[in-house]
């Protein structure tokens, strides 16, 4: 978990630091990042699939199993 002791908004490195933490968190949650599109992550487990699309500051969780989608979304928010 990343804890900031001071704001990094406005710094050139802020976006990169945010992106690195995001991809690290997604891997911890069990998602794999697509090589064709870095903003798309896929969770595959027990014949269940959840797709997460991240674009700028918007996040979209997609999946058939609503309970799993909500759990992964909740875990994502905690990170």
PDB file of N, CA and C in Angstrom:
ATOM      1  N   UNK A   1       0.848  -1.172   0.000  1.00  0.00           N
ATOM      2  CA  UNK A   1       0.000   0.000   0.000  1.00  0.00           C
ATOM      3  C   UNK A   1       0.887   1.227   0.000  1.00  0.00           C
ATOM      4  N   UNK A   2       0.530   2.208  -0.791  1.00  0.00           N
ATOM      5  CA  UNK A   2       1.302   3.431  -0.923  1.00  0.00           C
ATOM      6  C   UNK A   2       0.696   4.514  -0.049  1.00  0.00           C
ATOM      7  N   UNK A   3       1.481   5.053   0.850  1.00  0.00           N
ATOM      8  CA  UNK A   3       1.035   6.157   1.699  1.00  0.00           C
ATOM      9  C   UNK A   3       1.862   7.383   1.361  1.00  0.00           C
ATOM     10  N   UNK A   4       1.208   8.442   1.004  1.00  0.00           N
ATOM     11  CA  UNK A   4       1.908   9.672   0.667  1.00  0.00           C
ATOM     12  C   UNK A   4       2.030  10.550   1.896  1.00  0.00           C
ATOM     13  N   UNK A   5       3.209  11.065   2.095  1.00  0.00           N
ATOM     14  CA  UNK A   5       3.436  11.986   3.205  1.00  0.00           C
ATOM     15  C   UNK A   5       3.246  13.426   2.755  1.00  0.00           C
ATOM     16  N   UNK A   6       3.231  13.629   1.462  1.00  0.00           N
ATOM     17  CA  UNK A   6       2.965  14.946   0.916  1.00  0.00           C
ATOM     18  C   UNK A   6       2.338  14.789  -0.464  1.00  0.00           C
ATOM     19  N   UNK A   7       1.637  15.779  -0.893  1.00  0.00           N
ATOM     20  CA  UNK A   7       0.957  15.717  -2.189  1.00  0.00           C
ATOM     21  C   UNK A   7       1.970  15.718  -3.319  1.00  0.00           C
ATOM     22  N   UNK A   8       1.684  14.935  -4.360  1.00  0.00           N
ATOM     23  CA  UNK A   8       2.572  14.926  -5.516  1.00  0.00           C
ATOM     24  C   UNK A   8       1.879  15.491  -6.748  1.00  0.00           C
ATOM     25  N   UNK A   9       0.681  16.039  -6.555  1.00  0.00           N
ATOM     26  CA  UNK A   9      -0.043  16.596  -7.685  1.00  0.00           C
ATOM     27  C   UNK A   9       0.742  17.764  -8.267  1.00  0.00           C
ATOM     28  N   UNK A  10       0.769  17.815  -9.575  1.00  0.00           N
ATOM     29  CA  UNK A  10       1.483  18.889 -10.245  1.00  0.00           C
ATOM     30  C   UNK A  10       2.896  18.506 -10.620  1.00  0.00           C
ATOM     31  N   UNK A  11       3.420  17.459 -10.023  1.00  0.00           N
ATOM     32  CA  UNK A  11       4.755  17.014 -10.375  1.00  0.00           C
ATOM     33  C   UNK A  11       4.695  16.168 -11.636  1.00  0.00           C
ATOM     34  N   UNK A  12       5.738  16.221 -12.427  1.00  0.00           N
ATOM     35  CA  UNK A  12       5.754  15.455 -13.666  1.00  0.00           C
ATOM     36  C   UNK A  12       5.718  13.953 -13.405  1.00  0.00           C
ATOM     37  N   UNK A  13       6.235  13.525 -12.265  1.00  0.00           N
ATOM     38  CA  UNK A  13       6.293  12.106 -11.952  1.00  0.00           C
ATOM     39  C   UNK A  13       5.002  11.584 -11.332  1.00  0.00           C
ATOM     40  N   UNK A  14       4.048  12.446 -11.024  1.00  0.00           N
ATOM     41  CA  UNK A  14       2.829  12.037 -10.325  1.00  0.00           C
ATOM     42  C   UNK A  14       2.051  10.973 -11.104  1.00  0.00           C
ATOM     43  N   UNK A  15       1.865  11.181 -12.386  1.00  0.00           N
ATOM     44  CA  UNK A  15       1.100  10.229 -13.200  1.00  0.00           C
ATOM     45  C   UNK A  15       1.793   8.872 -13.256  1.00  0.00           C
ATOM     46  N   UNK A  16       3.101   8.875 -13.401  1.00  0.00           N
ATOM     47  CA  UNK A  16       3.849   7.623 -13.464  1.00  0.00           C
ATOM     48  C   UNK A  16       3.788   6.888 -12.127  1.00  0.00           C
ATOM     49  N   UNK A  17       3.930   7.611 -11.030  1.00  0.00           N
ATOM     50  CA  UNK A  17       3.851   6.990  -9.698  1.00  0.00           C
ATOM     51  C   UNK A  17       2.467   6.396  -9.473  1.00  0.00           C
ATOM     52  N   UNK A  18       1.425   7.114  -9.900  1.00  0.00           N
ATOM     53  CA  UNK A  18       0.052   6.617  -9.777  1.00  0.00           C
ATOM     54  C   UNK A  18      -0.128   5.347 -10.595  1.00  0.00           C
ATOM     55  N   UNK A  19       0.374   5.350 -11.832  1.00  0.00           N
ATOM     56  CA  UNK A  19       0.217   4.200 -12.723  1.00  0.00           C
ATOM     57  C   UNK A  19       0.967   2.981 -12.199  1.00  0.00           C
ATOM     58  N   UNK A  20       2.169   3.186 -11.691  1.00  0.00           N
ATOM     59  CA  UNK A  20       2.934   2.062 -11.146  1.00  0.00           C
ATOM     60  C   UNK A  20       2.212   1.444  -9.955  1.00  0.00           C
ATOM     61  N   UNK A  21       1.658   2.266  -9.080  1.00  0.00           N
ATOM     62  CA  UNK A  21       0.928   1.758  -7.920  1.00  0.00           C
ATOM     63  C   UNK A  21      -0.349   1.034  -8.359  1.00  0.00           C
ATOM     64  N   UNK A  22      -1.017   1.571  -9.363  1.00  0.00           N
ATOM     65  CA  UNK A  22      -2.233   0.937  -9.875  1.00  0.00           C
ATOM     66  C   UNK A  22      -1.939  -0.448 -10.437  1.00  0.00           C
ATOM     67  N   UNK A  23      -0.938  -0.573 -11.293  1.00  0.00           N
ATOM     68  CA  UNK A  23      -0.622  -1.870 -11.893  1.00  0.00           C
ATOM     69  C   UNK A  23      -0.156  -2.869 -10.833  1.00  0.00           C
ATOM     70  N   UNK A  24       0.574  -2.392  -9.840  1.00  0.00           N
ATOM     71  CA  UNK A  24       1.013  -3.256  -8.738  1.00  0.00           C
ATOM     72  C   UNK A  24      -0.204  -3.767  -7.952  1.00  0.00           C
ATOM     73  N   UNK A  25      -1.141  -2.886  -7.661  1.00  0.00           N
ATOM     74  CA  UNK A  25      -2.348  -3.273  -6.929  1.00  0.00           C
ATOM     75  C   UNK A  25      -3.185  -4.269  -7.722  1.00  0.00           C
ATOM     76  N   UNK A  26      -3.304  -4.067  -9.013  1.00  0.00           N
ATOM     77  CA  UNK A  26      -4.096  -4.983  -9.842  1.00  0.00           C
ATOM     78  C   UNK A  26      -3.470  -6.374  -9.863  1.00  0.00           C
ATOM     79  N   UNK A  27      -2.147  -6.456  -9.910  1.00  0.00           N
ATOM     80  CA  UNK A  27      -1.474  -7.753  -9.884  1.00  0.00           C
ATOM     81  C   UNK A  27      -1.701  -8.449  -8.550  1.00  0.00           C
ATOM     82  N   UNK A  28      -1.657  -7.685  -7.451  1.00  0.00           N
ATOM     83  CA  UNK A  28      -1.913  -8.253  -6.131  1.00  0.00           C
ATOM     84  C   UNK A  28      -3.321  -8.838  -6.064  1.00  0.00           C
ATOM     85  N   UNK A  29      -4.276  -8.181  -6.716  1.00  0.00           N
ATOM     86  CA  UNK A  29      -5.664  -8.638  -6.711  1.00  0.00           C
ATOM     87  C   UNK A  29      -5.908  -9.817  -7.657  1.00  0.00           C
ATOM     88  N   UNK A  30      -4.902 -10.184  -8.461  1.00  0.00           N
ATOM     89  CA  UNK A  30      -5.024 -11.340  -9.340  1.00  0.00           C
ATOM     90  C   UNK A  30      -5.340 -11.015 -10.786  1.00  0.00           C
ATOM     91  N   UNK A  31      -5.246  -9.755 -11.158  1.00  0.00           N
ATOM     92  CA  UNK A  31      -5.516  -9.346 -12.536  1.00  0.00           C
ATOM     93  C   UNK A  31      -4.248  -9.450 -13.375  1.00  0.00           C
ATOM     94  N   UNK A  32      -4.440  -9.707 -14.654  1.00  0.00           N
ATOM     95  CA  UNK A  32      -3.335  -9.685 -15.613  1.00  0.00           C
ATOM     96  C   UNK A  32      -3.580  -8.540 -16.575  1.00  0.00           C
ATOM     97  N   UNK A  33      -2.526  -7.819 -16.888  1.00  0.00           N
ATOM     98  CA  UNK A  33      -2.614  -6.657 -17.773  1.00  0.00           C
ATOM     99  C   UNK A  33      -2.441  -7.112 -19.222  1.00  0.00           C
ATOM    100  N   UNK A  34      -3.291  -6.622 -20.098  1.00  0.00           N
ATOM    101  CA  UNK A  34      -3.156  -6.946 -21.518  1.00  0.00           C
ATOM    102  C   UNK A  34      -1.934  -6.243 -22.090  1.00  0.00           C
ATOM    103  N   UNK A  35      -1.245  -6.919 -22.985  1.00  0.00           N
ATOM    104  CA  UNK A  35      -0.103  -6.288 -23.634  1.00  0.00           C
ATOM    105  C   UNK A  35      -0.563  -5.374 -24.776  1.00  0.00           C
ATOM    106  N   UNK A  36      -1.704  -5.697 -25.370  1.00  0.00           N
ATOM    107  CA  UNK A  36      -2.217  -4.902 -26.485  1.00  0.00           C
ATOM    108  C   UNK A  36      -2.783  -3.561 -26.031  1.00  0.00           C
ATOM    109  N   UNK A  37      -3.304  -3.506 -24.806  1.00  0.00           N
ATOM    110  CA  UNK A  37      -3.867  -2.262 -24.269  1.00  0.00           C
ATOM    111  C   UNK A  37      -3.567  -2.228 -22.775  1.00  0.00           C
ATOM    112  N   UNK A  38      -2.671  -1.360 -22.377  1.00  0.00           N
ATOM    113  CA  UNK A  38      -2.193  -1.313 -20.988  1.00  0.00           C
ATOM    114  C   UNK A  38      -3.284  -0.945 -19.995  1.00  0.00           C
ATOM    115  N   UNK A  39      -4.376  -0.364 -20.450  1.00  0.00           N
ATOM    116  CA  UNK A  39      -5.448   0.053 -19.560  1.00  0.00           C
ATOM    117  C   UNK A  39      -6.515  -1.003 -19.339  1.00  0.00           C
ATOM    118  N   UNK A  40      -6.284  -2.218 -19.836  1.00  0.00           N
ATOM    119  CA  UNK A  40      -7.262  -3.296 -19.685  1.00  0.00           C
ATOM    120  C   UNK A  40      -6.629  -4.419 -18.863  1.00  0.00           C
ATOM    121  N   UNK A  41      -7.347  -4.832 -17.827  1.00  0.00           N
ATOM    122  CA  UNK A  41      -6.899  -5.898 -16.937  1.00  0.00           C
ATOM    123  C   UNK A  41      -7.957  -6.991 -16.916  1.00  0.00           C
ATOM    124  N   UNK A  42      -7.511  -8.260 -16.863  1.00  0.00           N
ATOM    125  CA  UNK A  42      -8.428  -9.387 -16.874  1.00  0.00           C
ATOM    126  C   UNK A  42      -8.173 -10.272 -15.660  1.00  0.00           C
ATOM    127  N   UNK A  43      -9.264 -10.671 -15.016  1.00  0.00           N
ATOM    128  CA  UNK A  43      -9.226 -11.588 -13.883  1.00  0.00           C
ATOM    129  C   UNK A  43      -9.880 -12.886 -14.329  1.00  0.00           C
ATOM    130  N   UNK A  44      -9.130 -13.982 -14.305  1.00  0.00           N
ATOM    131  CA  UNK A  44      -9.647 -15.293 -14.696  1.00  0.00           C
ATOM    132  C   UNK A  44      -9.418 -16.264 -13.550  1.00  0.00           C
ATOM    133  N   UNK A  45     -10.520 -16.822 -13.003  1.00  0.00           N
ATOM    134  CA  UNK A  45     -10.393 -17.796 -11.923  1.00  0.00           C
ATOM    135  C   UNK A  45     -11.693 -18.587 -11.825  1.00  0.00           C
ATOM    136  N   UNK A  46     -11.568 -19.899 -11.748  1.00  0.00           N
ATOM    137  CA  UNK A  46     -12.724 -20.785 -11.596  1.00  0.00           C
ATOM    138  C   UNK A  46     -13.812 -20.505 -12.626  1.00  0.00           C
ATOM    139  N   UNK A  47     -13.446 -20.414 -13.895  1.00  0.00           N
ATOM    140  CA  UNK A  47     -14.381 -20.152 -14.993  1.00  0.00           C
ATOM    141  C   UNK A  47     -15.129 -18.833 -14.853  1.00  0.00           C
ATOM    142  N   UNK A  48     -14.608 -17.925 -14.067  1.00  0.00           N
ATOM    143  CA  UNK A  48     -15.190 -16.587 -13.915  1.00  0.00           C
ATOM    144  C   UNK A  48     -14.227 -15.584 -14.539  1.00  0.00           C
ATOM    145  N   UNK A  49     -14.781 -14.612 -15.223  1.00  0.00           N
ATOM    146  CA  UNK A  49     -13.971 -13.580 -15.857  1.00  0.00           C
ATOM    147  C   UNK A  49     -14.487 -12.216 -15.449  1.00  0.00           C
ATOM    148  N   UNK A  50     -13.557 -11.357 -15.068  1.00  0.00           N
ATOM    149  CA  UNK A  50     -13.873  -9.959 -14.791  1.00  0.00           C
ATOM    150  C   UNK A  50     -12.882  -9.123 -15.578  1.00  0.00           C
ATOM    151  N   UNK A  51     -13.401  -8.159 -16.291  1.00  0.00           N
ATOM    152  CA  UNK A  51     -12.568  -7.254 -17.085  1.00  0.00           C
ATOM    153  C   UNK A  51     -12.649  -5.874 -16.457  1.00  0.00           C
ATOM    154  N   UNK A  52     -11.492  -5.243 -16.314  1.00  0.00           N
ATOM    155  CA  UNK A  52     -11.429  -3.882 -15.788  1.00  0.00           C
ATOM    156  C   UNK A  52     -10.782  -3.007 -16.844  1.00  0.00           C
ATOM    157  N   UNK A  53     -11.450  -1.912 -17.162  1.00  0.00           N
ATOM    158  CA  UNK A  53     -10.929  -0.945 -18.115  1.00  0.00           C
ATOM    159  C   UNK A  53     -10.650   0.342 -17.356  1.00  0.00           C
ATOM    160  N   UNK A  54      -9.420   0.831 -17.488  1.00  0.00           N
ATOM    161  CA  UNK A  54      -9.029   2.066 -16.808  1.00  0.00           C
ATOM    162  C   UNK A  54      -8.620   3.073 -17.873  1.00  0.00           C
ATOM    163  N   UNK A  55      -9.271   4.215 -17.840  1.00  0.00           N
ATOM    164  CA  UNK A  55      -8.981   5.280 -18.790  1.00  0.00           C
ATOM    165  C   UNK A  55      -8.928   6.595 -18.025  1.00  0.00           C
ATOM    166  N   UNK A  56      -7.771   7.182 -17.975  1.00  0.00           N
ATOM    167  CA  UNK A  56      -7.479   8.413 -17.242  1.00  0.00           C
ATOM    168  C   UNK A  56      -7.864   8.218 -15.775  1.00  0.00           C
ATOM    169  N   UNK A  57      -8.979   8.749 -15.316  1.00  0.00           N
ATOM    170  CA  UNK A  57      -9.364   8.558 -13.917  1.00  0.00           C
ATOM    171  C   UNK A  57     -10.713   7.844 -13.798  1.00  0.00           C
ATOM    172  N   UNK A  58     -11.101   7.128 -14.838  1.00  0.00           N
ATOM    173  CA  UNK A  58     -12.348   6.360 -14.839  1.00  0.00           C
ATOM    174  C   UNK A  58     -12.031   4.875 -14.837  1.00  0.00           C
ATOM    175  N   UNK A  59     -12.808   4.116 -14.085  1.00  0.00           N
ATOM    176  CA  UNK A  59     -12.604   2.674 -13.992  1.00  0.00           C
ATOM    177  C   UNK A  59     -13.939   1.971 -14.220  1.00  0.00           C
ATOM    178  N   UNK A  60     -13.931   0.945 -15.068  1.00  0.00           N
ATOM    179  CA  UNK A  60     -15.127   0.187 -15.390  1.00  0.00           C
ATOM    180  C   UNK A  60     -14.863  -1.292 -15.107  1.00  0.00           C
ATOM    181  N   UNK A  61     -15.674  -1.891 -14.238  1.00  0.00           N
ATOM    182  CA  UNK A  61     -15.599  -3.313 -13.931  1.00  0.00           C
ATOM    183  C   UNK A  61     -16.724  -4.012 -14.675  1.00  0.00           C
ATOM    184  N   UNK A  62     -16.396  -5.096 -15.399  1.00  0.00           N
ATOM    185  CA  UNK A  62     -17.373  -5.832 -16.197  1.00  0.00           C
ATOM    186  C   UNK A  62     -17.247  -7.322 -15.891  1.00  0.00           C
ATOM    187  N   UNK A  63     -18.386  -7.975 -15.667  1.00  0.00           N
ATOM    188  CA  UNK A  63     -18.378  -9.417 -15.446  1.00  0.00           C
ATOM    189  C   UNK A  63     -19.792  -9.941 -15.268  1.00  0.00           C
ATOM    190  N   UNK A  64     -19.972 -11.242 -15.484  1.00  0.00           N
ATOM    191  CA  UNK A  64     -21.296 -11.865 -15.341  1.00  0.00           C
ATOM    192  C   UNK A  64     -21.678 -12.078 -13.885  1.00  0.00           C
ATOM    193  N   UNK A  65     -20.701 -12.410 -13.047  1.00  0.00           N
ATOM    194  CA  UNK A  65     -20.959 -12.696 -11.639  1.00  0.00           C
ATOM    195  C   UNK A  65     -20.902 -11.381 -10.846  1.00  0.00           C
ATOM    196  N   UNK A  66     -22.069 -10.867 -10.522  1.00  0.00           N
ATOM    197  CA  UNK A  66     -22.156  -9.556  -9.858  1.00  0.00           C
ATOM    198  C   UNK A  66     -21.478  -9.562  -8.489  1.00  0.00           C
ATOM    199  N   UNK A  67     -21.605 -10.661  -7.755  1.00  0.00           N
ATOM    200  CA  UNK A  67     -20.973 -10.748  -6.438  1.00  0.00           C
ATOM    201  C   UNK A  67     -19.450 -10.661  -6.548  1.00  0.00           C
ATOM    202  N   UNK A  68     -18.885 -11.383  -7.513  1.00  0.00           N
ATOM    203  CA  UNK A  68     -17.435 -11.346  -7.719  1.00  0.00           C
ATOM    204  C   UNK A  68     -16.986  -9.965  -8.172  1.00  0.00           C
ATOM    205  N   UNK A  69     -17.728  -9.368  -9.086  1.00  0.00           N
ATOM    206  CA  UNK A  69     -17.389  -8.023  -9.572  1.00  0.00           C
ATOM    207  C   UNK A  69     -17.389  -7.040  -8.406  1.00  0.00           C
ATOM    208  N   UNK A  70     -18.417  -7.090  -7.568  1.00  0.00           N
ATOM    209  CA  UNK A  70     -18.497  -6.178  -6.424  1.00  0.00           C
ATOM    210  C   UNK A  70     -17.374  -6.424  -5.416  1.00  0.00           C
ATOM    211  N   UNK A  71     -17.004  -7.702  -5.205  1.00  0.00           N
ATOM    212  CA  UNK A  71     -15.914  -8.017  -4.285  1.00  0.00           C
ATOM    213  C   UNK A  71     -14.596  -7.464  -4.810  1.00  0.00           C
ATOM    214  N   UNK A  72     -14.309  -7.706  -6.090  1.00  0.00           N
ATOM    215  CA  UNK A  72     -13.066  -7.210  -6.675  1.00  0.00           C
ATOM    216  C   UNK A  72     -13.037  -5.679  -6.695  1.00  0.00           C
ATOM    217  N   UNK A  73     -14.168  -5.085  -6.956  1.00  0.00           N
ATOM    218  CA  UNK A  73     -14.270  -3.621  -6.952  1.00  0.00           C
ATOM    219  C   UNK A  73     -13.997  -3.081  -5.552  1.00  0.00           C
ATOM    220  N   UNK A  74     -14.560  -3.718  -4.550  1.00  0.00           N
ATOM    221  CA  UNK A  74     -14.332  -3.319  -3.163  1.00  0.00           C
ATOM    222  C   UNK A  74     -12.859  -3.463  -2.779  1.00  0.00           C
ATOM    223  N   UNK A  75     -12.257  -4.593  -3.168  1.00  0.00           N
ATOM    224  CA  UNK A  75     -10.834  -4.806  -2.887  1.00  0.00           C
ATOM    225  C   UNK A  75      -9.976  -3.764  -3.606  1.00  0.00           C
ATOM    226  N   UNK A  76     -10.357  -3.439  -4.826  1.00  0.00           N
ATOM    227  CA  UNK A  76      -9.637  -2.428  -5.592  1.00  0.00           C
ATOM    228  C   UNK A  76      -9.678  -1.066  -4.893  1.00  0.00           C
ATOM    229  N   UNK A  77     -10.827  -0.713  -4.377  1.00  0.00           N
ATOM    230  CA  UNK A  77     -10.991   0.575  -3.689  1.00  0.00           C
ATOM    231  C   UNK A  77     -10.127   0.625  -2.432  1.00  0.00           C
ATOM    232  N   UNK A  78     -10.014  -0.519  -1.731  1.00  0.00           N
ATOM    233  CA  UNK A  78      -9.181  -0.574  -0.530  1.00  0.00           C
ATOM    234  C   UNK A  78      -7.710  -0.314  -0.828  1.00  0.00           C
ATOM    235  N   UNK A  79      -7.273  -0.766  -2.009  1.00  0.00           N
ATOM    236  CA  UNK A  79      -5.874  -0.568  -2.399  1.00  0.00           C
ATOM    237  C   UNK A  79      -5.683   0.857  -2.859  1.00  0.00           C
TER     238      UNK A  79
END
